[in-house]
Amino acid sequence: MTTEKATISRVFGLLILALTAFMVICVVVMLATGAKFVPVMAAPVVFLGVGVLMYRSGRKSA
């Protein structure tokens, strides 16, 4: 992987991790205000995994 592609992979990985943090905050707020748990609320776990893998891939290749 070229340096440019590694940098892009790292940036997208960090972006996904940031959006995951925002989604987790939203889910916590919804649950705190009395919403019932819905399995879709577990989606941040998937995004967290994808973000970590993309970020690691970019770091290894740089």
N, C-alpha and C. Protein backbone atom coordinates (compact mmCIF):
# COMPACT_ATOMS: atom_id res chain seq x y z
N MET A 1 0.86 -1.17 0.00
CA MET A 1 0.00 0.00 0.00
C MET A 1 0.90 1.24 0.00
N THR A 2 0.56 2.20 -0.83
CA THR A 2 1.37 3.42 -0.90
C THR A 2 1.12 4.28 0.34
N THR A 3 2.00 5.24 0.54
CA THR A 3 1.88 6.14 1.69
C THR A 3 0.58 6.93 1.64
N GLU A 4 0.18 7.36 0.43
CA GLU A 4 -1.05 8.13 0.30
C GLU A 4 -2.27 7.29 0.69
N LYS A 5 -2.29 6.05 0.22
CA LYS A 5 -3.42 5.18 0.55
C LYS A 5 -3.44 4.86 2.04
N ALA A 6 -2.27 4.70 2.64
CA ALA A 6 -2.21 4.44 4.08
C ALA A 6 -2.75 5.64 4.86
N THR A 7 -2.40 6.85 4.41
CA THR A 7 -2.90 8.05 5.07
C THR A 7 -4.41 8.16 4.93
N ILE A 8 -4.93 7.89 3.76
CA ILE A 8 -6.38 7.93 3.54
C ILE A 8 -7.06 6.90 4.44
N SER A 9 -6.49 5.71 4.53
CA SER A 9 -7.07 4.67 5.37
C SER A 9 -7.08 5.10 6.84
N ARG A 10 -6.00 5.73 7.29
CA ARG A 10 -5.95 6.20 8.68
C ARG A 10 -6.98 7.29 8.92
N VAL A 11 -7.11 8.21 7.98
CA VAL A 11 -8.06 9.32 8.15
C VAL A 11 -9.48 8.79 8.19
N PHE A 12 -9.83 7.89 7.27
CA PHE A 12 -11.18 7.33 7.29
C PHE A 12 -11.41 6.50 8.54
N GLY A 13 -10.39 5.80 9.00
CA GLY A 13 -10.52 5.04 10.25
C GLY A 13 -10.82 5.94 11.42
N LEU A 14 -10.09 7.07 11.51
CA LEU A 14 -10.34 8.03 12.59
C LEU A 14 -11.71 8.67 12.47
N LEU A 15 -12.14 8.95 11.24
CA LEU A 15 -13.47 9.52 11.03
C LEU A 15 -14.56 8.55 11.50
N ILE A 16 -14.40 7.28 11.15
CA ILE A 16 -15.38 6.28 11.58
C ILE A 16 -15.37 6.15 13.10
N LEU A 17 -14.20 6.20 13.72
CA LEU A 17 -14.14 6.13 15.18
C LEU A 17 -14.82 7.34 15.83
N ALA A 18 -14.65 8.52 15.24
CA ALA A 18 -15.30 9.71 15.78
C ALA A 18 -16.82 9.62 15.64
N LEU A 19 -17.29 9.15 14.49
CA LEU A 19 -18.73 8.99 14.32
C LEU A 19 -19.28 7.92 15.24
N THR A 20 -18.48 6.90 15.51
CA THR A 20 -18.90 5.85 16.44
C THR A 20 -19.08 6.43 17.84
N ALA A 21 -18.15 7.28 18.26
CA ALA A 21 -18.28 7.92 19.57
C ALA A 21 -19.55 8.74 19.65
N PHE A 22 -19.86 9.47 18.58
CA PHE A 22 -21.10 10.25 18.54
C PHE A 22 -22.33 9.34 18.64
N MET A 23 -22.30 8.21 17.91
CA MET A 23 -23.44 7.28 17.96
C MET A 23 -23.61 6.68 19.36
N VAL A 24 -22.51 6.38 20.01
CA VAL A 24 -22.58 5.82 21.37
C VAL A 24 -23.21 6.83 22.31
N ILE A 25 -22.80 8.09 22.19
CA ILE A 25 -23.39 9.14 23.03
C ILE A 25 -24.89 9.24 22.78
N CYS A 26 -25.29 9.19 21.51
CA CYS A 26 -26.72 9.26 21.18
C CYS A 26 -27.49 8.09 21.78
N VAL A 27 -26.94 6.90 21.69
CA VAL A 27 -27.62 5.72 22.23
C VAL A 27 -27.73 5.83 23.75
N VAL A 28 -26.67 6.27 24.41
CA VAL A 28 -26.71 6.42 25.86
C VAL A 28 -27.77 7.44 26.26
N VAL A 29 -27.84 8.55 25.53
CA VAL A 29 -28.85 9.57 25.83
C VAL A 29 -30.25 9.00 25.63
N MET A 30 -30.46 8.27 24.53
CA MET A 30 -31.79 7.68 24.30
C MET A 30 -32.17 6.71 25.41
N LEU A 31 -31.23 5.87 25.81
CA LEU A 31 -31.53 4.92 26.88
C LEU A 31 -31.76 5.63 28.21
N ALA A 32 -31.03 6.70 28.45
CA ALA A 32 -31.18 7.45 29.70
C ALA A 32 -32.53 8.16 29.77
N THR A 33 -33.08 8.52 28.62
CA THR A 33 -34.36 9.22 28.61
C THR A 33 -35.54 8.26 28.57
N GLY A 34 -35.26 6.97 28.66
CA GLY A 34 -36.34 6.00 28.80
C GLY A 34 -36.69 5.20 27.56
N ALA A 35 -35.91 5.29 26.51
CA ALA A 35 -36.19 4.51 25.30
C ALA A 35 -35.91 3.03 25.57
N LYS A 36 -36.69 2.17 24.92
CA LYS A 36 -36.44 0.74 25.05
C LYS A 36 -35.27 0.37 24.16
N PHE A 37 -34.49 -0.63 24.60
CA PHE A 37 -33.35 -1.07 23.81
C PHE A 37 -33.84 -1.77 22.56
N VAL A 38 -33.28 -1.40 21.44
CA VAL A 38 -33.58 -2.02 20.15
C VAL A 38 -32.25 -2.57 19.63
N PRO A 39 -32.26 -3.76 19.01
CA PRO A 39 -30.98 -4.32 18.55
C PRO A 39 -30.18 -3.40 17.63
N VAL A 40 -30.84 -2.50 16.92
CA VAL A 40 -30.11 -1.58 16.04
C VAL A 40 -29.18 -0.68 16.85
N MET A 41 -29.46 -0.49 18.12
CA MET A 41 -28.62 0.34 18.97
C MET A 41 -27.24 -0.28 19.17
N ALA A 42 -27.07 -1.52 18.80
CA ALA A 42 -25.77 -2.18 18.92
C ALA A 42 -24.88 -1.90 17.70
N ALA A 43 -25.38 -1.14 16.74
CA ALA A 43 -24.62 -0.84 15.52
C ALA A 43 -23.27 -0.17 15.78
N PRO A 44 -23.14 0.68 16.80
CA PRO A 44 -21.81 1.28 17.02
C PRO A 44 -20.70 0.24 17.23
N VAL A 45 -21.04 -0.93 17.72
CA VAL A 45 -20.02 -1.97 17.91
C VAL A 45 -19.44 -2.38 16.55
N VAL A 46 -20.29 -2.49 15.54
CA VAL A 46 -19.83 -2.85 14.20
C VAL A 46 -18.94 -1.74 13.64
N PHE A 47 -19.38 -0.49 13.79
CA PHE A 47 -18.61 0.64 13.30
C PHE A 47 -17.28 0.75 14.03
N LEU A 48 -17.27 0.45 15.31
CA LEU A 48 -16.03 0.49 16.07
C LEU A 48 -15.03 -0.52 15.52
N GLY A 49 -15.50 -1.72 15.24
CA GLY A 49 -14.63 -2.74 14.66
C GLY A 49 -14.08 -2.33 13.31
N VAL A 50 -14.92 -1.79 12.46
CA VAL A 50 -14.48 -1.35 11.13
C VAL A 50 -13.47 -0.21 11.24
N GLY A 51 -13.75 0.75 12.10
CA GLY A 51 -12.84 1.88 12.27
C GLY A 51 -11.48 1.46 12.79
N VAL A 52 -11.47 0.56 13.76
CA VAL A 52 -10.19 0.08 14.30
C VAL A 52 -9.40 -0.67 13.24
N LEU A 53 -10.07 -1.52 12.48
CA LEU A 53 -9.37 -2.27 11.43
C LEU A 53 -8.81 -1.35 10.36
N MET A 54 -9.58 -0.34 9.95
CA MET A 54 -9.08 0.60 8.93
C MET A 54 -7.90 1.39 9.46
N TYR A 55 -7.99 1.85 10.69
CA TYR A 55 -6.91 2.65 11.27
C TYR A 55 -5.64 1.80 11.41
N ARG A 56 -5.78 0.56 11.89
CA ARG A 56 -4.62 -0.31 12.03
C ARG A 56 -3.99 -0.63 10.68
N SER A 57 -4.84 -0.84 9.67
CA SER A 57 -4.34 -1.12 8.34
C SER A 57 -3.50 0.04 7.82
N GLY A 58 -3.98 1.25 8.04
CA GLY A 58 -3.25 2.43 7.60
C GLY A 58 -1.94 2.62 8.36
N ARG A 59 -1.94 2.31 9.64
CA ARG A 59 -0.72 2.47 10.44
C ARG A 59 0.34 1.45 10.06
N LYS A 60 -0.10 0.21 9.80
CA LYS A 60 0.87 -0.83 9.44
C LYS A 60 1.51 -0.54 8.10
N SER A 61 0.76 0.06 7.19
CA SER A 61 1.26 0.29 5.84
C SER A 61 2.08 1.56 5.70
N ALA A 62 1.97 2.43 6.68
CA ALA A 62 2.69 3.72 6.58
C ALA A 62 4.17 3.57 6.89
